[in-house]
Amino acid sequence: VQLQASGGGLVQAGGSLRLSCAASGRTNSRPTMGWFRQAPGKEREFVAATFRIGSVTTYADSVKGRFTISRDNDKKTLYMQMNSLKAEDTAVYYCAAGLGLVWSDLRNPDRYPYWGQGTQVTVSS
């Protein structure tokens, strides 16, 4: 599975961005997909994930109510709508995919073998 993330940029606090992650390759199995982020000097952290059926989602507490993860299986694309952005949301955002994940795996980056290249999100205060 190859992943290509896009949609990052510079936005003022309170603004919005929409990230996209286009998948190619072995996608017929509809992998579990997620977003992670990494700020300078910090470890990569979980943001949100969705099982192959997009109605099943989970979020980090820090973004719950502000970010929405979704997927279009026909377009093989993962999205994340980010609203009410804060300065602390500034990071490189990565999309990830994995097959055969269970619920307890979703927040662990080590369980995802496939990663996109990352897209920078900068929120100015």
Protein backbone atom coordinates (compact mmCIF):
# COMPACT_ATOMS: atom_id res chain seq x y z
CA VAL A 1 0.00 0.00 0.00
CA GLN A 2 1.37 3.41 -0.99
CA LEU A 3 0.07 6.55 0.70
CA GLN A 4 0.29 10.18 -0.43
CA ALA A 5 -0.73 12.86 2.06
CA SER A 6 -1.62 16.43 1.13
CA GLY A 7 -3.53 19.45 2.34
CA GLY A 8 -1.26 20.89 5.00
CA GLY A 9 -0.41 24.55 5.20
CA LEU A 10 -0.26 27.67 7.33
CA VAL A 11 -3.44 28.79 9.05
CA GLN A 12 -4.35 31.15 11.86
CA ALA A 13 -5.62 29.84 15.16
CA GLY A 14 -9.33 29.10 14.91
CA GLY A 15 -9.06 28.28 11.24
CA SER A 16 -9.61 25.05 9.35
CA LEU A 17 -7.72 22.68 7.08
CA ARG A 18 -8.62 19.45 5.33
CA LEU A 19 -5.99 16.77 4.93
CA SER A 20 -6.21 14.06 2.30
CA CYS A 21 -4.38 10.77 1.94
CA ALA A 22 -4.61 8.93 -1.36
CA ALA A 23 -3.95 5.19 -1.24
CA SER A 24 -2.77 2.96 -4.05
CA GLY A 25 -1.61 -0.60 -4.37
CA ARG A 26 -3.18 -3.34 -2.27
CA THR A 27 -6.24 -1.39 -1.25
CA ASN A 28 -8.97 -3.86 -2.17
CA SER A 29 -8.76 -5.22 1.36
CA ARG A 30 -9.71 -1.78 2.72
CA PRO A 31 -7.08 -1.39 5.42
CA THR A 32 -7.57 0.34 8.72
CA MET A 33 -6.29 3.90 8.30
CA GLY A 34 -5.24 6.57 10.69
CA TRP A 35 -3.61 9.95 11.18
CA PHE A 36 -0.65 10.59 13.43
CA ARG A 37 1.34 13.76 14.02
CA GLN A 38 4.80 14.67 15.19
CA ALA A 39 5.83 18.06 16.53
CA PRO A 40 9.51 19.09 16.75
CA GLY A 41 11.23 17.37 19.66
CA LYS A 42 8.23 15.18 20.41
CA GLU A 43 7.29 11.61 19.70
CA ARG A 44 4.80 10.69 17.02
CA GLU A 45 1.31 10.70 18.52
CA PHE A 46 -2.03 9.27 17.54
CA VAL A 47 -4.67 11.65 16.21
CA ALA A 48 -7.52 9.62 14.72
CA ALA A 49 -8.27 6.30 13.03
CA THR A 50 -11.02 4.54 11.17
CA PHE A 51 -11.68 0.91 10.46
CA ARG A 52 -12.34 -0.17 6.87
CA ILE A 53 -15.97 0.68 7.45
CA GLY A 54 -15.65 4.42 7.92
CA SER A 55 -18.39 4.72 10.48
CA VAL A 56 -16.15 3.22 13.16
CA THR A 57 -13.73 5.92 14.31
CA THR A 58 -11.69 6.92 17.32
CA TYR A 59 -9.92 10.15 18.26
CA ALA A 60 -7.29 11.43 20.62
CA ASP A 61 -8.86 13.43 23.43
CA SER A 62 -6.92 16.53 22.32
CA VAL A 63 -8.73 16.69 18.98
CA LYS A 64 -12.11 15.20 19.81
CA GLY A 65 -14.91 17.51 18.72
CA ARG A 66 -12.60 19.53 16.46
CA PHE A 67 -11.26 16.97 13.96
CA THR A 68 -13.28 14.55 11.85
CA ILE A 69 -11.78 11.55 10.09
CA SER A 70 -13.54 10.04 7.10
CA ARG A 71 -12.79 7.84 4.14
CA ASP A 72 -14.10 7.35 0.63
CA ASN A 73 -13.40 3.73 -0.26
CA ASP A 74 -14.41 4.26 -3.89
CA LYS A 75 -11.80 7.00 -4.23
CA LYS A 76 -9.34 5.16 -1.97
CA THR A 77 -8.84 8.35 -0.02
CA LEU A 78 -8.69 9.14 3.68
CA TYR A 79 -9.60 12.62 4.91
CA MET A 80 -9.34 14.62 8.08
CA GLN A 81 -11.26 17.83 8.52
CA MET A 82 -9.55 19.97 11.15
CA ASN A 83 -11.55 22.83 12.64
CA SER A 84 -10.86 25.29 15.45
CA LEU A 85 -7.15 24.75 15.03
CA LYS A 86 -4.82 25.67 17.87
CA ALA A 87 -1.13 26.49 17.95
CA GLU A 88 -0.51 23.16 19.68
CA ASP A 89 -1.85 21.36 16.60
CA THR A 90 1.27 22.44 14.72
CA ALA A 91 3.08 19.30 13.54
CA VAL A 92 3.85 17.12 10.58
CA TYR A 93 0.80 14.98 9.97
CA TYR A 94 1.18 11.44 8.66
CA CYS A 95 -1.40 9.06 7.33
CA ALA A 96 -0.91 5.36 8.00
CA ALA A 97 -2.54 2.09 7.02
CA GLY A 98 -2.56 -1.44 8.32
CA LEU A 99 -4.29 -4.74 7.70
CA GLY A 100 -5.75 -6.98 10.35
CA LEU A 101 -5.67 -4.39 13.11
CA VAL A 102 -7.94 -4.77 16.10
CA TRP A 103 -9.38 -2.01 18.26
CA SER A 104 -6.49 -2.06 20.73
CA ASP A 105 -3.99 -1.54 17.89
CA LEU A 106 -5.44 1.68 16.55
CA ARG A 107 -3.47 4.15 18.68
CA ASN A 108 -0.12 2.37 18.37
CA PRO A 109 1.98 3.63 15.44
CA ASP A 110 4.05 0.44 15.51
CA ARG A 111 1.02 -1.51 14.33
CA TYR A 112 0.84 0.38 11.03
CA PRO A 113 3.30 -0.85 8.40
CA TYR A 114 2.38 1.65 5.69
CA TRP A 115 3.03 5.40 5.99
CA GLY A 116 2.65 8.48 3.85
CA GLN A 117 5.38 11.09 3.56
CA GLY A 118 3.81 13.63 5.93
CA THR A 119 2.32 17.05 5.40
CA GLN A 120 3.18 20.11 7.51
CA VAL A 121 0.43 21.89 9.43
CA THR A 122 1.39 25.19 11.03
CA VAL A 123 -1.08 27.12 13.16
CA SER A 124 -0.13 30.67 14.03
CA SER A 125 -1.43 32.18 17.27
